[in-house]
Amino acid sequence: MKKSLNLVVLGLSLSSSWGNGHATTYRALLRGMHAEGHRVLFLERDVPWYAKQRDLPDPNFCELSLYNGVDDLVLRSSARLQAADAVLVGSYVPEGTRIIDAVVALQPKLLCFYDLDTPVTLAKLDRKDEEYIAARQMPLFDIYFSFAGGEVVDRLEQQYGVSHAEPLYCCVDAQAYQQTGEAKHWDLGYIGTYSADRQPALEKLMIAPARLLPKMRFVVAGPNYPANIDWPHNVERIEHLAPADHPSFYSRQRFTLNITRTDMAAAGWSPSVRLFEAAACGTPIISDSWNGLEDFFPSGKAIIIASGPADIVTALTDLSETHRLMAEAAREIVLDQHTGRSRAAHFAAALCAARQLKMRRSSTRFTINA
C-alpha cells in the first residue's frame, strides 16, 4: 500500500500564470499528487504583479496560502513545515536564500529543492548571482530535483556538492490539454514571455517566415514584448493567455513553434512545458535544436527541427500527411511519459525512498553513538 505524503511546497506561483511557466508545471504536478492520494500545501509570496493576474485563486487539488515575507512565513507556517513529510522549495522564490535558511533552521523531516530553471540557475551561480539560492545551500538538500537532465545532473553533484540530484522534468495535465476540434485560424503560433536571448530565434523562425509568407497567418502570445518590435502585418499579438485558454490556442494552429532559452539550449535536456502542452493537444511542433531534444521527441518522427526561415517555409507549405502523423506520435509520447500523474508518481517514489534512506542513516548513527 502506498504511503500518503504530506507535502509543503514553497514555489514562485501557483495562483497566477502571468509571465511564468512555473504555475503550469506546478498545477499539473500537484493535480497528479492529489490524484495519487497525497496532501499538499502550497505557500506563495503575495506580490502585486501576480495579485492582479490570478487565474487560479482557489485550487481544488491542494491548499494554497499566501504570505507577505520571510518573517510572516516563519510565524504562520513553522508548524506545518516541521510536520510535513517533505518540504519542497522552488527556484525563483522571492528572497529564496533567506527562505532556504529559515526552512533549514526548522529542521524539516526531508528538505528538497525543485529547480525549474536549472541551466539559468547554474549560469547565475557562475556569475556569483545568488538571487534565490546560494552555492553554500546546495548540499543542504536531501534531493535536488532538476528541470534539466543529462550532464546537468552530474554537474550538480560533482561541482556543487548536491548529495542527490534527480531529473524532474516539467509535465502537462492530460485532462486539461486536449485537441478542441476548432477550425485552424493560424498557420504558425508561438507562446512565451519576452526574453532578450530568445528574441533572435523568434525573429528568425517566426518574423522572417511571416514576411516570406504574407498570405499566411501567424500569432505570438505572451507579455513584456518591447513596443519597438516591427511585427509584420500578418503576425497577431496576444498579450496574455491563461492556461485554460492554451488548448484552444494550440488547437487553432496548423503548427506551433518552440524556442528555447540560451542557457537551457546550451545545457541540453531541458524540455519546455510548451512542448508537452502542444503535443498533448495534437498540434505539430517545430522547434529549435538542442542536445537531448531527440531523447524526448525523435526528429522527423515526432517533431520538426528548424535552423532558419527556409525550414519553416518548407514545413508550412508541405501539404502531406507527414505532419499529422508526427503530431500523433508526439501526443502518444506525452500521454505515456510526461503527464502530471506519471510525474507525480515518480516524484512521490523519490521522496519516499529518500525518507527511508534518511531514517536508516539516522538509526545507524544512533546505534553507533549508543
Protein backbone atom coordinates (compact mmCIF):
# COMPACT_ATOMS: atom_id res chain seq x y z
CA MET A 1 0.00 0.00 0.00
CA LYS A 2 1.38 3.42 -0.99
CA LYS A 3 2.07 5.91 1.80
CA SER A 4 0.06 9.12 1.61
CA LEU A 5 2.50 12.02 1.80
CA ASN A 6 2.00 15.37 3.47
CA LEU A 7 3.97 17.85 1.34
CA VAL A 8 4.62 21.59 1.70
CA VAL A 9 5.76 23.47 -1.41
CA LEU A 10 7.29 26.95 -1.39
CA GLY A 11 7.07 27.99 -5.03
CA LEU A 12 7.14 31.04 -7.25
CA SER A 13 3.43 31.00 -8.06
CA LEU A 14 0.53 28.59 -8.27
CA SER A 15 -2.27 31.15 -8.34
CA SER A 16 -1.06 33.13 -11.36
CA SER A 17 0.39 32.00 -14.69
CA TRP A 18 1.10 35.59 -15.74
CA GLY A 19 4.61 35.82 -17.20
CA ASN A 20 5.79 32.48 -15.81
CA GLY A 21 5.66 28.82 -16.79
CA HIS A 22 6.14 27.61 -13.23
CA ALA A 23 2.43 27.76 -12.49
CA THR A 24 1.58 25.38 -15.33
CA THR A 25 4.09 22.77 -14.17
CA TYR A 26 3.15 23.10 -10.51
CA ARG A 27 -0.54 22.74 -11.35
CA ALA A 28 -0.03 19.58 -13.40
CA LEU A 29 2.33 18.03 -10.85
CA LEU A 30 0.18 18.83 -7.82
CA ARG A 31 -3.01 17.68 -9.53
CA GLY A 32 -1.15 14.43 -10.12
CA MET A 33 -0.13 14.31 -6.45
CA HIS A 34 -3.75 14.82 -5.43
CA ALA A 35 -4.88 12.05 -7.77
CA GLU A 36 -2.25 9.77 -6.21
CA GLY A 37 -3.72 10.43 -2.75
CA HIS A 38 -1.17 12.91 -1.35
CA ARG A 39 -1.87 16.16 0.54
CA VAL A 40 -0.14 19.40 -0.47
CA LEU A 41 0.10 22.90 0.99
CA PHE A 42 1.46 25.47 -1.49
CA LEU A 43 2.95 28.60 0.08
CA GLU A 44 3.19 31.59 -2.27
CA ARG A 45 4.59 35.07 -1.72
CA ASP A 46 1.82 37.65 -2.10
CA VAL A 47 3.18 40.08 -4.72
CA PRO A 48 1.23 42.74 -6.62
CA TRP A 49 2.06 41.57 -10.16
CA TYR A 50 0.55 38.14 -9.50
CA ALA A 51 -2.26 39.50 -7.32
CA LYS A 52 -3.57 41.41 -10.37
CA GLN A 53 -3.46 38.32 -12.61
CA ARG A 54 -4.66 35.37 -10.52
CA ASP A 55 -6.30 32.76 -12.74
CA LEU A 56 -6.36 30.02 -10.05
CA PRO A 57 -7.02 31.69 -6.68
CA ASP A 58 -8.69 28.63 -5.13
CA PRO A 59 -7.25 25.32 -6.43
CA ASN A 60 -9.32 22.19 -5.77
CA PHE A 61 -6.31 19.84 -5.69
CA CYS A 62 -4.25 21.40 -2.89
CA GLU A 63 -4.31 24.03 -0.16
CA LEU A 64 -2.97 27.46 -1.17
CA SER A 65 -1.73 30.02 1.38
CA LEU A 66 -0.18 33.42 0.74
CA TYR A 67 2.49 35.04 2.91
CA ASN A 68 3.94 38.56 2.98
CA GLY A 69 7.62 37.95 3.70
CA VAL A 70 10.11 35.66 5.39
CA ASP A 71 9.16 36.65 8.92
CA ASP A 72 5.45 36.23 8.17
CA LEU A 73 6.12 32.82 6.60
CA VAL A 74 8.02 31.56 9.65
CA LEU A 75 5.44 32.97 12.08
CA ARG A 76 2.45 31.44 10.32
CA SER A 77 3.79 28.23 8.81
CA SER A 78 6.59 26.85 11.02
CA ALA A 79 4.41 24.09 12.47
CA ARG A 80 3.25 22.95 9.03
CA LEU A 81 6.81 22.96 7.69
CA GLN A 82 8.06 20.87 10.61
CA ALA A 83 5.16 18.41 10.48
CA ALA A 84 5.38 17.78 6.73
CA ASP A 85 6.84 14.55 5.38
CA ALA A 86 8.78 16.71 2.93
CA VAL A 87 9.31 20.40 2.20
CA LEU A 88 10.00 21.44 -1.41
CA VAL A 89 11.47 24.88 -2.14
CA GLY A 90 11.29 26.05 -5.75
CA SER A 91 13.53 28.25 -7.88
CA TYR A 92 12.90 31.98 -8.30
CA VAL A 93 11.07 32.24 -4.97
CA PRO A 94 11.41 35.86 -3.77
CA GLU A 95 14.14 36.13 -1.12
CA GLY A 96 14.87 32.50 -1.82
CA THR A 97 18.20 32.35 0.01
CA ARG A 98 16.61 33.74 3.20
CA ILE A 99 13.67 31.36 2.80
CA ILE A 100 16.01 28.36 2.50
CA ASP A 101 17.99 29.38 5.59
CA ALA A 102 14.75 29.83 7.55
CA VAL A 103 13.41 26.43 6.50
CA VAL A 104 16.75 24.69 7.23
CA ALA A 105 16.63 26.14 10.75
CA LEU A 106 13.26 24.43 11.29
CA GLN A 107 14.88 21.03 10.58
CA PRO A 108 12.16 19.55 8.34
CA LYS A 109 11.95 15.78 8.01
CA LEU A 110 13.02 15.99 4.36
CA LEU A 111 14.20 19.11 2.55
CA CYS A 112 14.15 19.25 -1.25
CA PHE A 113 14.68 21.84 -3.96
CA TYR A 114 12.82 21.95 -7.28
CA ASP A 115 14.84 23.88 -9.81
CA LEU A 116 12.54 24.68 -12.71
CA ASP A 117 15.33 26.81 -14.19
CA THR A 118 18.44 24.67 -13.63
CA PRO A 119 20.58 25.90 -16.56
CA VAL A 120 19.68 29.51 -15.70
CA THR A 121 20.45 28.84 -12.02
CA LEU A 122 23.89 27.44 -12.80
CA ALA A 123 24.68 30.31 -15.16
CA LYS A 124 23.70 32.75 -12.39
CA LEU A 125 25.85 30.94 -9.82
CA ASP A 126 28.79 31.04 -12.24
CA ARG A 127 28.38 34.86 -12.14
CA LYS A 128 28.17 34.77 -8.31
CA ASP A 129 24.49 35.73 -8.60
CA GLU A 130 22.69 34.07 -5.69
CA GLU A 131 19.27 35.63 -6.19
CA TYR A 132 17.20 32.66 -4.99
CA ILE A 133 19.72 30.00 -3.94
CA ALA A 134 23.32 30.21 -2.74
CA ALA A 135 26.03 27.73 -3.69
CA ARG A 136 26.61 27.03 0.03
CA GLN A 137 22.97 25.89 0.33
CA MET A 138 23.00 23.29 -2.43
CA PRO A 139 24.46 20.46 -0.30
CA LEU A 140 21.79 21.07 2.36
CA PHE A 141 19.01 19.43 0.34
CA ASP A 142 18.18 15.74 0.65
CA ILE A 143 17.12 15.77 -3.02
CA TYR A 144 17.77 18.43 -5.65
CA PHE A 145 15.08 17.96 -8.30
CA SER A 146 16.18 19.42 -11.61
CA PHE A 147 14.16 20.68 -14.57
CA ALA A 148 17.13 19.61 -16.71
CA GLY A 149 18.62 16.16 -17.02
CA GLY A 150 21.63 14.74 -18.82
CA GLU A 151 25.02 16.20 -17.96
CA VAL A 152 23.43 18.87 -15.74
CA VAL A 153 22.67 16.25 -13.08
CA ASP A 154 26.32 15.20 -12.93
CA ARG A 155 27.40 18.84 -12.67
CA LEU A 156 25.06 19.46 -9.74
CA GLU A 157 26.60 16.61 -7.79
CA GLN A 158 30.25 16.98 -8.82
CA GLN A 159 30.63 20.77 -8.94
CA TYR A 160 28.10 21.96 -6.38
CA GLY A 161 28.14 19.12 -3.86
CA VAL A 162 24.49 18.15 -4.24
CA SER A 163 24.06 14.84 -2.41
CA HIS A 164 21.34 13.52 -4.73
CA ALA A 165 20.29 15.23 -7.98
CA GLU A 166 17.20 13.84 -9.68
CA PRO A 167 15.67 14.93 -13.01
CA LEU A 168 12.06 16.06 -12.62
CA TYR A 169 11.02 17.40 -16.00
CA CYS A 170 8.02 19.63 -16.44
CA CYS A 171 4.72 17.94 -17.23
CA VAL A 172 1.23 18.54 -18.56
CA ASP A 173 -2.28 17.94 -17.27
CA ALA A 174 -3.56 15.46 -19.87
CA GLN A 175 -7.20 16.08 -18.95
CA ALA A 176 -6.90 19.83 -19.46
CA TYR A 177 -4.74 19.77 -22.60
CA GLN A 178 -6.58 18.12 -25.47
CA GLN A 179 -7.48 18.96 -29.06
CA THR A 180 -10.64 21.10 -29.03
CA GLY A 181 -11.67 20.45 -32.64
CA GLU A 182 -11.82 24.16 -33.51
CA ALA A 183 -11.09 25.36 -37.04
CA LYS A 184 -7.50 26.35 -37.82
CA HIS A 185 -7.00 30.10 -37.51
CA TRP A 186 -3.20 30.45 -37.66
CA ASP A 187 -0.57 28.69 -39.73
CA LEU A 188 2.09 29.06 -37.02
CA GLY A 189 1.86 30.16 -33.40
CA TYR A 190 4.20 30.78 -30.50
CA ILE A 191 3.60 31.36 -26.79
CA GLY A 192 6.26 32.71 -24.45
CA THR A 193 7.12 35.70 -22.29
CA TYR A 194 9.54 38.09 -23.99
CA SER A 195 13.17 37.21 -23.38
CA ALA A 196 16.08 39.06 -24.99
CA ASP A 197 18.02 35.84 -25.52
CA ARG A 198 15.07 34.20 -27.30
CA GLN A 199 14.23 37.17 -29.50
CA PRO A 200 16.83 36.50 -32.25
CA ALA A 201 15.37 32.99 -32.71
CA LEU A 202 11.85 34.43 -32.80
CA GLU A 203 12.99 36.90 -35.46
CA LYS A 204 14.50 34.05 -37.50
CA LEU A 205 11.82 31.38 -37.05
CA MET A 206 8.63 33.47 -36.84
CA ILE A 207 9.00 37.05 -38.05
CA ALA A 208 11.16 36.31 -41.11
CA PRO A 209 8.90 33.45 -42.33
CA ALA A 210 5.85 35.69 -41.82
CA ARG A 211 7.38 38.22 -44.21
CA LEU A 212 8.16 35.46 -46.71
CA LEU A 213 4.60 34.09 -46.50
CA PRO A 214 2.41 37.23 -46.42
CA LYS A 215 -0.80 35.30 -47.14
CA MET A 216 -0.37 33.03 -44.12
CA ARG A 217 -1.34 33.93 -40.55
CA PHE A 218 0.94 33.90 -37.52
CA VAL A 219 0.47 34.63 -33.81
CA VAL A 220 2.73 35.41 -30.83
CA ALA A 221 1.22 35.24 -27.33
CA GLY A 222 2.94 36.42 -24.18
CA PRO A 223 3.69 39.58 -22.16
CA ASN A 224 6.53 42.11 -21.96
CA TYR A 225 7.42 42.43 -25.65
CA PRO A 226 9.01 45.85 -26.35
CA ALA A 227 6.96 48.38 -28.27
CA ASN A 228 9.71 48.85 -30.86
CA ILE A 229 9.45 45.35 -32.39
CA ASP A 230 8.48 45.60 -36.05
CA TRP A 231 5.74 42.98 -36.31
CA PRO A 232 4.68 42.05 -39.87
CA HIS A 233 1.04 42.75 -40.68
CA ASN A 234 0.19 39.02 -40.62
CA VAL A 235 1.53 38.40 -37.09
CA GLU A 236 -1.18 38.74 -34.47
CA ARG A 237 -0.19 39.65 -30.91
CA ILE A 238 -1.91 38.35 -27.75
CA GLU A 239 -0.62 39.89 -24.51
CA HIS A 240 -1.53 37.07 -22.13
CA LEU A 241 -3.21 33.67 -22.32
CA ALA A 242 -4.38 31.93 -19.16
CA PRO A 243 -3.68 28.17 -19.08
CA ALA A 244 -7.39 27.45 -19.54
CA ASP A 245 -7.12 29.10 -22.98
CA HIS A 246 -3.99 27.20 -24.08
CA PRO A 247 -5.76 24.13 -25.56
CA SER A 248 -7.88 26.36 -27.79
CA PHE A 249 -4.79 28.35 -28.77
CA TYR A 250 -2.84 25.24 -29.79
CA SER A 251 -5.83 23.62 -31.46
CA ARG A 252 -6.34 26.59 -33.77
CA GLN A 253 -2.75 26.39 -35.10
CA ARG A 254 -1.55 24.27 -38.01
CA PHE A 255 1.90 24.26 -36.38
CA THR A 256 3.30 25.56 -33.10
CA LEU A 257 6.81 26.93 -32.60
CA ASN A 258 9.08 26.14 -29.64
CA ILE A 259 12.06 28.39 -28.84
CA THR A 260 14.49 27.60 -26.03
CA ARG A 261 16.29 29.99 -23.66
CA THR A 262 20.02 30.24 -24.45
CA ASP A 263 21.18 28.80 -21.11
CA MET A 264 18.77 25.89 -21.42
CA ALA A 265 19.73 25.14 -25.01
CA ALA A 266 23.41 25.18 -24.02
CA ALA A 267 22.80 22.78 -21.13
CA GLY A 268 20.51 20.48 -23.12
CA TRP A 269 17.91 18.01 -21.84
CA SER A 270 15.63 20.90 -20.79
CA PRO A 271 12.22 20.45 -22.44
CA SER A 272 9.82 23.36 -22.12
CA VAL A 273 6.36 22.73 -20.76
CA ARG A 274 5.07 24.30 -24.01
CA LEU A 275 6.42 21.29 -25.91
CA PHE A 276 4.34 18.92 -23.81
CA GLU A 277 1.25 21.15 -23.94
CA ALA A 278 1.26 21.41 -27.72
CA ALA A 279 1.95 17.71 -28.16
CA ALA A 280 -0.91 16.80 -25.80
CA CYS A 281 -3.21 18.93 -27.97
CA GLY A 282 -2.10 17.11 -31.12
CA THR A 283 -0.51 20.14 -32.78
CA PRO A 284 2.59 19.52 -34.94
CA ILE A 285 5.67 21.08 -33.33
CA ILE A 286 8.56 22.95 -34.93
CA SER A 287 11.48 23.56 -32.57
CA ASP A 288 14.96 24.99 -32.46
CA SER A 289 17.67 22.42 -31.81
CA TRP A 290 19.38 21.48 -28.53
CA ASN A 291 21.14 18.44 -27.10
CA GLY A 292 18.72 15.87 -25.74
CA LEU A 293 15.66 17.06 -27.67
CA GLU A 294 15.51 13.83 -29.64
CA ASP A 295 15.51 11.82 -26.41
CA PHE A 296 12.03 13.28 -25.88
CA PHE A 297 10.77 13.71 -29.45
CA PRO A 298 12.63 11.96 -32.32
CA SER A 299 13.29 14.36 -35.18
CA GLY A 300 11.28 13.62 -38.31
CA LYS A 301 9.06 11.21 -36.40
CA ALA A 302 7.53 13.34 -33.65
CA ILE A 303 8.93 16.85 -34.21
CA ILE A 304 10.41 19.13 -36.91
CA ILE A 305 13.74 20.77 -36.07
CA ALA A 306 14.32 24.13 -37.74
CA SER A 307 17.51 26.15 -38.04
CA GLY A 308 16.29 29.00 -40.21
CA PRO A 309 13.38 30.60 -42.09
CA ALA A 310 13.64 28.15 -45.01
CA ASP A 311 12.85 25.21 -42.70
CA ILE A 312 9.72 26.99 -41.50
CA VAL A 313 8.60 27.84 -45.03
CA THR A 314 9.14 24.23 -46.13
CA ALA A 315 7.03 22.89 -43.26
CA LEU A 316 4.19 25.39 -43.70
CA THR A 317 3.92 24.79 -47.45
CA ASP A 318 4.07 20.98 -47.24
CA LEU A 319 0.53 19.62 -47.53
CA SER A 320 1.36 15.93 -46.97
CA GLU A 321 0.09 13.75 -44.11
CA THR A 322 3.56 13.55 -42.52
CA HIS A 323 2.97 16.32 -40.02
CA ARG A 324 -0.32 14.86 -38.78
CA LEU A 325 1.44 11.56 -38.13
CA MET A 326 4.24 13.38 -36.30
CA ALA A 327 1.69 15.12 -34.08
CA GLU A 328 0.05 11.81 -33.24
CA ALA A 329 3.43 10.28 -32.35
CA ALA A 330 4.32 13.24 -30.10
CA ARG A 331 0.95 13.06 -28.36
CA GLU A 332 1.42 9.35 -27.62
CA ILE A 333 4.85 10.06 -26.12
CA VAL A 334 3.48 12.76 -23.83
CA LEU A 335 0.47 10.77 -22.67
CA ASP A 336 2.71 7.82 -21.90
CA GLN A 337 5.61 9.60 -20.19
CA HIS A 338 5.02 13.27 -19.39
CA THR A 339 1.63 13.73 -17.71
CA GLY A 340 1.21 15.24 -14.26
CA ARG A 341 0.03 11.90 -12.94
CA SER A 342 3.09 9.99 -14.19
CA ARG A 343 5.46 12.72 -12.99
CA ALA A 344 3.77 12.78 -9.57
CA ALA A 345 4.23 9.03 -9.18
CA HIS A 346 7.96 9.38 -9.91
CA PHE A 347 8.22 12.38 -7.57
CA ALA A 348 6.44 10.64 -4.68
CA ALA A 349 8.54 7.50 -5.10
CA ALA A 350 11.74 9.57 -4.93
CA LEU A 351 10.53 11.31 -1.76
CA CYS A 352 9.63 8.03 -0.06
CA ALA A 353 12.97 6.45 -0.98
CA ALA A 354 14.87 9.48 0.34
CA ARG A 355 12.92 9.45 3.61
CA GLN A 356 13.61 5.77 4.15
CA LEU A 357 17.32 6.27 3.42
CA LYS A 358 17.49 9.21 5.82
CA MET A 359 15.76 7.23 8.56
CA ARG A 360 18.14 4.29 8.08
CA ARG A 361 21.16 6.58 8.29
CA SER A 362 19.78 8.26 11.39
CA SER A 363 19.12 4.86 13.00
CA THR A 364 22.68 3.72 12.17
CA ARG A 365 24.19 6.87 13.72
CA PHE A 366 22.05 6.40 16.84
CA THR A 367 23.20 2.77 17.18
CA ILE A 368 26.88 3.70 16.77
CA ASN A 369 26.63 6.56 19.29
CA ALA A 370 24.81 4.31 21.77
